[in-house]
């Protein structure tokens, strides 16, 4: 089923210029860019969920640092004064 997308003039001009520079049909290029973006977004979401799960797993295993210790460590590492 065909899909029609309305772009703002600046974005449309950028897409047309990119298609022309690459010698591609604008519709083909738009489809490739959308496919790449959706794939990237899916991977970023999976990475974020994995990171959150790792943090929860670490917490459950008592593998974490006290916040005050973390602040003191950062102050020393970056030569920051106490707030």
C-alpha atoms as a PDB file:
ATOM      1  CA  UNK A   1       0.000   0.000   0.000  1.00  0.00           C
ATOM      2  CA  UNK A   2       1.462   3.378  -0.965  1.00  0.00           C
ATOM      3  CA  UNK A   3       2.318   5.810   1.804  1.00  0.00           C
ATOM      4  CA  UNK A   4       2.397   9.563   1.400  1.00  0.00           C
ATOM      5  CA  UNK A   5       4.539  11.613   3.769  1.00  0.00           C
ATOM      6  CA  UNK A   6       4.490  15.394   3.922  1.00  0.00           C
ATOM      7  CA  UNK A   7       7.888  16.882   4.695  1.00  0.00           C
ATOM      8  CA  UNK A   8       8.735  20.417   5.653  1.00  0.00           C
ATOM      9  CA  UNK A   9      10.436  22.273   2.776  1.00  0.00           C
ATOM     10  CA  UNK A  10      13.899  22.145   4.357  1.00  0.00           C
ATOM     11  CA  UNK A  11      13.795  18.386   4.926  1.00  0.00           C
ATOM     12  CA  UNK A  12      12.410  17.780   1.451  1.00  0.00           C
ATOM     13  CA  UNK A  13      15.200  19.867  -0.072  1.00  0.00           C
ATOM     14  CA  UNK A  14      17.812  17.925   1.901  1.00  0.00           C
ATOM     15  CA  UNK A  15      16.313  14.615   0.790  1.00  0.00           C
ATOM     16  CA  UNK A  16      16.160  15.709  -2.851  1.00  0.00           C
ATOM     17  CA  UNK A  17      19.757  16.941  -2.746  1.00  0.00           C
ATOM     18  CA  UNK A  18      20.953  13.695  -1.154  1.00  0.00           C
ATOM     19  CA  UNK A  19      19.085  11.617  -3.722  1.00  0.00           C
ATOM     20  CA  UNK A  20      20.551  13.668  -6.560  1.00  0.00           C
ATOM     21  CA  UNK A  21      24.076  13.504  -5.109  1.00  0.00           C
ATOM     22  CA  UNK A  22      23.810   9.728  -4.827  1.00  0.00           C
ATOM     23  CA  UNK A  23      22.065   9.292  -8.163  1.00  0.00           C
ATOM     24  CA  UNK A  24      19.126   7.584  -6.475  1.00  0.00           C
ATOM     25  CA  UNK A  25      15.391   7.809  -6.835  1.00  0.00           C
ATOM     26  CA  UNK A  26      14.053   9.966  -4.005  1.00  0.00           C
ATOM     27  CA  UNK A  27      11.466   7.346  -2.998  1.00  0.00           C
ATOM     28  CA  UNK A  28      14.081   4.593  -2.844  1.00  0.00           C
ATOM     29  CA  UNK A  29      16.385   6.763  -0.764  1.00  0.00           C
ATOM     30  CA  UNK A  30      13.562   7.757   1.600  1.00  0.00           C
ATOM     31  CA  UNK A  31      12.649   4.095   2.103  1.00  0.00           C
ATOM     32  CA  UNK A  32      16.305   3.189   2.787  1.00  0.00           C
ATOM     33  CA  UNK A  33      16.696   6.014   5.285  1.00  0.00           C
ATOM     34  CA  UNK A  34      13.481   5.117   7.106  1.00  0.00           C
ATOM     35  CA  UNK A  35      14.478   1.455   7.233  1.00  0.00           C
ATOM     36  CA  UNK A  36      17.895   2.361   8.664  1.00  0.00           C
ATOM     37  CA  UNK A  37      16.356   4.716  11.227  1.00  0.00           C
ATOM     38  CA  UNK A  38      13.813   2.154  12.388  1.00  0.00           C
ATOM     39  CA  UNK A  39      16.527  -0.492  12.699  1.00  0.00           C
ATOM     40  CA  UNK A  40      18.752   1.894  14.664  1.00  0.00           C
ATOM     41  CA  UNK A  41      15.864   2.861  16.952  1.00  0.00           C
ATOM     42  CA  UNK A  42      15.028  -0.785  17.616  1.00  0.00           C
ATOM     43  CA  UNK A  43      18.657  -1.556  18.494  1.00  0.00           C
ATOM     44  CA  UNK A  44      18.941   1.498  20.762  1.00  0.00           C
ATOM     45  CA  UNK A  45      15.773   0.457  22.591  1.00  0.00           C
ATOM     46  CA  UNK A  46      17.122  -3.070  23.051  1.00  0.00           C
ATOM     47  CA  UNK A  47      20.433  -1.669  24.337  1.00  0.00           C
ATOM     48  CA  UNK A  48      18.633   0.622  26.792  1.00  0.00           C
ATOM     49  CA  UNK A  49      16.503  -2.240  28.108  1.00  0.00           C
ATOM     50  CA  UNK A  50      19.597  -4.446  28.465  1.00  0.00           C
ATOM     51  CA  UNK A  51      21.397  -1.671  30.365  1.00  0.00           C
ATOM     52  CA  UNK A  52      18.470  -1.162  32.715  1.00  0.00           C
ATOM     53  CA  UNK A  53      18.224  -4.909  33.289  1.00  0.00           C
ATOM     54  CA  UNK A  54      21.965  -5.062  34.023  1.00  0.00           C
ATOM     55  CA  UNK A  55      21.552  -2.286  36.579  1.00  0.00           C
ATOM     56  CA  UNK A  56      18.664  -4.107  38.230  1.00  0.00           C
ATOM     57  CA  UNK A  57      20.641  -7.368  38.254  1.00  0.00           C
ATOM     58  CA  UNK A  58      23.639  -5.584  39.798  1.00  0.00           C
ATOM     59  CA  UNK A  59      21.408  -4.035  42.463  1.00  0.00           C
ATOM     60  CA  UNK A  60      19.850  -7.396  43.301  1.00  0.00           C
ATOM     61  CA  UNK A  61      23.356  -8.887  43.631  1.00  0.00           C
ATOM     62  CA  UNK A  62      24.445  -6.012  45.931  1.00  0.00           C
ATOM     63  CA  UNK A  63      26.915  -4.956  43.240  1.00  0.00           C
ATOM     64  CA  UNK A  64      26.661  -1.189  43.559  1.00  0.00           C
ATOM     65  CA  UNK A  65      28.320   1.761  45.276  1.00  0.00           C
ATOM     66  CA  UNK A  66      26.939   4.054  47.909  1.00  0.00           C
ATOM     67  CA  UNK A  67      25.974   7.444  46.426  1.00  0.00           C
ATOM     68  CA  UNK A  68      28.122   9.391  48.905  1.00  0.00           C
ATOM     69  CA  UNK A  69      31.108   7.240  47.951  1.00  0.00           C
ATOM     70  CA  UNK A  70      30.411   7.895  44.269  1.00  0.00           C
ATOM     71  CA  UNK A  71      30.230  11.672  44.837  1.00  0.00           C
ATOM     72  CA  UNK A  72      33.488  11.669  46.806  1.00  0.00           C
ATOM     73  CA  UNK A  73      35.169   9.589  44.108  1.00  0.00           C
ATOM     74  CA  UNK A  74      34.046  12.000  41.361  1.00  0.00           C
ATOM     75  CA  UNK A  75      35.115  15.031  43.386  1.00  0.00           C
ATOM     76  CA  UNK A  76      38.582  13.551  43.788  1.00  0.00           C
ATOM     77  CA  UNK A  77      38.812  12.340  40.198  1.00  0.00           C
ATOM     78  CA  UNK A  78      37.842  15.721  38.701  1.00  0.00           C
ATOM     79  CA  UNK A  79      39.266  17.943  41.453  1.00  0.00           C
ATOM     80  CA  UNK A  80      35.831  19.291  42.378  1.00  0.00           C
ATOM     81  CA  UNK A  81      35.043  21.078  45.604  1.00  0.00           C
ATOM     82  CA  UNK A  82      32.292  19.887  47.926  1.00  0.00           C
ATOM     83  CA  UNK A  83      28.920  21.456  47.308  1.00  0.00           C
END
